[in-house]
Protein backbone atom coordinates (compact mmCIF):
# COMPACT_ATOMS: atom_id res chain seq x y z
CA UNK A 1 40.65 28.36 -70.93
CA UNK A 2 38.01 25.89 -71.84
CA UNK A 3 34.92 27.64 -70.40
CA UNK A 4 33.90 29.81 -73.61
CA UNK A 5 31.89 28.66 -76.51
CA UNK A 6 33.86 26.89 -79.28
CA UNK A 7 33.02 26.68 -82.85
CA UNK A 8 30.81 23.34 -83.76
CA UNK A 9 33.39 20.25 -83.80
CA UNK A 10 35.85 21.86 -81.34
CA UNK A 11 36.57 19.82 -78.04
CA UNK A 12 38.72 21.16 -75.09
CA UNK A 13 41.81 18.71 -74.77
CA UNK A 14 45.11 18.63 -73.00
CA UNK A 15 48.50 17.90 -75.26
CA UNK A 16 51.31 16.01 -74.09
CA UNK A 17 54.16 16.82 -76.39
CA UNK A 18 56.67 14.34 -77.40
CA UNK A 19 60.24 16.24 -77.12
CA UNK A 20 62.38 13.37 -78.26
CA UNK A 21 65.62 13.28 -76.65
CA UNK A 22 64.94 16.51 -74.82
CA UNK A 23 62.32 14.48 -72.84
CA UNK A 24 63.18 14.51 -68.90
CA UNK A 25 65.60 11.78 -67.98
CA UNK A 26 66.22 11.06 -71.47
CA UNK A 27 62.80 8.82 -71.74
CA UNK A 28 61.56 8.05 -75.07
CA UNK A 29 58.10 7.19 -76.47
CA UNK A 30 56.29 8.29 -73.34
CA UNK A 31 53.21 9.41 -75.24
CA UNK A 32 53.00 6.35 -77.28
CA UNK A 33 53.33 4.19 -73.86
CA UNK A 34 50.89 6.06 -72.19
CA UNK A 35 48.51 5.85 -75.35
CA UNK A 36 48.97 2.16 -75.12
CA UNK A 37 48.22 2.01 -71.32
CA UNK A 38 45.20 3.79 -71.91
CA UNK A 39 43.86 1.64 -74.43
CA UNK A 40 44.75 -1.36 -72.40
CA UNK A 41 42.83 0.26 -69.31
CA UNK A 42 39.57 0.58 -71.40
CA UNK A 43 39.82 -2.89 -72.59
CA UNK A 44 40.08 -3.95 -68.83
CA UNK A 45 36.81 -1.98 -68.25
CA UNK A 46 38.22 1.30 -66.80
CA UNK A 47 36.96 4.59 -67.47
CA UNK A 48 39.35 6.56 -69.31
CA UNK A 49 39.14 9.68 -71.51
CA UNK A 50 39.11 10.04 -75.07
CA UNK A 51 42.69 10.08 -76.45
CA UNK A 52 44.51 10.52 -79.85
CA UNK A 53 48.06 9.96 -80.64
CA UNK A 54 49.54 12.50 -83.02
CA UNK A 55 52.12 11.11 -85.22
CA UNK A 56 54.47 13.16 -87.38
CA UNK A 57 58.03 14.13 -87.93
CA UNK A 58 60.29 16.27 -85.88
CA UNK A 59 62.69 19.11 -86.90
CA UNK A 60 65.54 16.68 -87.16
CA UNK A 61 63.71 14.19 -89.16
CA UNK A 62 62.98 11.95 -86.33
CA UNK A 63 59.64 10.35 -85.65
CA UNK A 64 57.46 11.85 -82.77
CA UNK A 65 54.13 11.38 -81.20
CA UNK A 66 52.12 13.55 -79.25
CA UNK A 67 49.32 12.42 -76.76
CA UNK A 68 45.95 14.57 -77.27
CA UNK A 69 43.49 13.98 -74.32
CA UNK A 70 40.00 15.09 -74.15
CA UNK A 71 39.44 17.09 -71.05
CA UNK A 72 36.85 15.43 -68.68
CA UNK A 73 36.52 18.53 -66.42
CA UNK A 74 34.45 20.34 -69.19
CA UNK A 75 30.86 20.03 -70.24
CA UNK A 76 28.76 22.27 -72.32
CA UNK A 77 31.30 25.13 -72.16
CA UNK A 78 31.53 24.91 -68.29
CA UNK A 79 33.96 23.75 -65.98
CA UNK A 80 33.08 20.71 -63.63
CA UNK A 81 34.04 20.98 -59.85
CA UNK A 82 37.08 18.60 -59.64
CA UNK A 83 39.20 17.64 -56.73
CA UNK A 84 42.28 15.27 -56.31
CA UNK A 85 42.63 12.53 -53.74
CA UNK A 86 45.19 14.79 -52.39
CA UNK A 87 42.98 17.88 -52.05
CA UNK A 88 39.80 15.88 -50.84
CA UNK A 89 42.04 14.07 -48.27
CA UNK A 90 44.40 16.97 -47.30
CA UNK A 91 47.23 14.45 -47.91
CA UNK A 92 50.52 14.93 -49.59
CA UNK A 93 52.52 12.93 -51.78
CA UNK A 94 55.06 11.44 -49.55
CA UNK A 95 56.95 8.17 -49.29
CA UNK A 96 55.31 5.69 -47.36
CA UNK A 97 52.60 7.98 -46.36
CA UNK A 98 49.51 6.79 -48.21
CA UNK A 99 47.50 3.57 -49.15
CA UNK A 100 44.94 2.40 -51.46
CA UNK A 101 42.79 1.41 -48.68
CA UNK A 102 42.69 5.06 -47.55
CA UNK A 103 41.85 6.07 -51.16
CA UNK A 104 39.07 3.38 -51.28
CA UNK A 105 37.66 4.65 -48.01
CA UNK A 106 37.30 8.09 -49.41
CA UNK A 107 35.72 6.92 -52.63
CA UNK A 108 33.02 5.13 -50.44
CA UNK A 109 32.38 8.10 -48.29
CA UNK A 110 32.47 10.67 -50.90
CA UNK A 111 30.42 8.80 -53.71
CA UNK A 112 28.32 6.46 -51.38
CA UNK A 113 28.00 4.30 -54.37
CA UNK A 114 29.65 0.60 -54.40
CA UNK A 115 30.19 0.79 -58.22
CA UNK A 116 32.63 3.54 -57.67
CA UNK A 117 34.42 1.45 -55.02
CA UNK A 118 34.45 -1.40 -57.38
CA UNK A 119 35.91 0.82 -60.02
CA UNK A 120 38.62 1.97 -57.80
CA UNK A 121 39.58 -1.60 -57.05
CA UNK A 122 39.91 -2.10 -60.79
CA UNK A 123 42.13 0.86 -61.10
CA UNK A 124 44.42 -0.34 -58.09
CA UNK A 125 44.67 -3.83 -59.74
CA UNK A 126 45.40 -2.32 -63.21
CA UNK A 127 48.23 -0.16 -61.66
CA UNK A 128 49.86 -3.02 -59.79
CA UNK A 129 49.45 -5.46 -62.76
CA UNK A 130 50.57 -3.24 -65.51
CA UNK A 131 53.21 -1.63 -63.71
CA UNK A 132 52.06 1.89 -63.26
CA UNK A 133 53.67 2.76 -59.84
CA UNK A 134 53.53 6.60 -60.37
CA UNK A 135 49.95 6.17 -58.68
CA UNK A 136 50.35 9.09 -56.30
CA UNK A 137 47.50 10.95 -54.45
CA UNK A 138 47.34 13.63 -57.04
CA UNK A 139 46.89 11.11 -59.90
CA UNK A 140 43.46 10.08 -58.65
CA UNK A 141 40.38 12.67 -59.18
CA UNK A 142 36.85 13.17 -58.42
CA UNK A 143 34.43 15.21 -60.24
CA UNK A 144 31.12 16.78 -59.00
CA UNK A 145 28.13 16.45 -61.32
CA UNK A 146 25.69 19.32 -61.81
CA UNK A 147 23.31 17.54 -59.18
CA UNK A 148 26.11 17.77 -56.56
CA UNK A 149 27.12 14.14 -56.65
CA UNK A 150 30.54 12.96 -56.51
CA UNK A 151 32.17 10.40 -58.97
CA UNK A 152 35.48 9.30 -59.73
CA UNK A 153 36.96 11.16 -62.68
CA UNK A 154 38.00 8.96 -65.46
CA UNK A 155 41.67 7.43 -64.94
CA UNK A 156 44.53 9.49 -66.18
CA UNK A 157 48.43 9.78 -66.10
CA UNK A 158 48.43 5.84 -66.52
CA UNK A 159 52.15 5.50 -67.54
CA UNK A 160 54.41 2.34 -67.26
CA UNK A 161 57.22 3.26 -64.67
CA UNK A 162 59.41 0.17 -64.57
CA UNK A 163 62.27 2.41 -63.33
CA UNK A 164 60.35 2.81 -60.08
CA UNK A 165 60.79 0.20 -57.44
CA UNK A 166 57.75 1.01 -55.25
CA UNK A 167 54.31 2.31 -55.83
CA UNK A 168 53.36 5.61 -54.39
CA UNK A 169 50.31 3.98 -52.63
CA UNK A 170 50.65 0.84 -50.55
CA UNK A 171 48.25 -2.18 -51.05
CA UNK A 172 47.94 -4.41 -47.99
CA UNK A 173 50.77 -2.76 -46.32
CA UNK A 174 53.14 -3.23 -49.17
CA UNK A 175 54.68 -0.80 -51.51
CA UNK A 176 56.64 -3.52 -53.50
CA UNK A 177 56.24 -7.13 -53.80
CA UNK A 178 52.46 -6.79 -54.32
CA UNK A 179 50.65 -10.05 -54.77
CA UNK A 180 47.10 -11.17 -56.06
CA UNK A 181 46.37 -12.20 -52.47
CA UNK A 182 47.19 -8.59 -51.32
CA UNK A 183 44.63 -7.16 -53.80
CA UNK A 184 42.21 -9.86 -53.15
CA UNK A 185 42.44 -8.89 -49.25
CA UNK A 186 41.54 -5.19 -49.96
CA UNK A 187 38.93 -6.04 -52.33
CA UNK A 188 37.13 -8.40 -49.79
CA UNK A 189 37.68 -5.59 -47.20
CA UNK A 190 35.58 -3.30 -49.39
CA UNK A 191 32.98 -5.79 -50.55
CA UNK A 192 34.20 -5.52 -54.05
CA UNK A 193 32.18 -7.76 -56.43
CA UNK A 194 33.68 -9.69 -59.15
CA UNK A 195 37.33 -9.79 -57.64
CA UNK A 196 38.62 -13.05 -59.17
CA UNK A 197 37.12 -12.27 -62.58
CA UNK A 198 38.40 -8.51 -62.62
CA UNK A 199 42.07 -10.01 -61.73
CA UNK A 200 41.74 -12.77 -64.14
CA UNK A 201 40.66 -10.46 -66.97
CA UNK A 202 43.67 -8.18 -66.38
CA UNK A 203 46.31 -11.08 -65.82
CA UNK A 204 45.21 -12.13 -69.26
CA UNK A 205 45.71 -8.58 -70.76
CA UNK A 206 48.91 -7.96 -69.42
CA UNK A 207 50.39 -11.54 -69.70
CA UNK A 208 51.21 -11.53 -65.81
């Protein structure tokens, strides 16, 4: 799926369905919240996929909103080689087992591009300041271009998770209670540019 030629105007996408009261754990408006977070991420300078919110009415007359996301692992009818941080680093999503420092080292070694390291810092800061604690090792991806160059994929699965007490990846040795100083410490360790400006921009956008 997604590797054949499509009629003009068609693009490959993933569809996340709003199942109303039948959503897992009784969560509601998950698609609307993820859409809003993707919008916020883009306004904060993160690379995110194209997306659309498909609003309508369910079978019982209640409102619903499905999230349509453009696939970023497809180009010109071909599938791009993609790996998650989990697959690249051979690491599992286990509690207290992974850190953003490990992820940023992987970004640096794989892409050899400081701009990608800076982008990863922005994503780390965004997840902390906007409350996306479901930031596990399979929710960070890499794409290989046709010229065999690795880059970060657009950010995906950005969802507010206030029900979680801890992040899946630690920052400066912390899974909770992460402060601006912790973000700054990690940023400086990886020679990130514009640390304070990035954090201020995200604080202004998140009202933190």
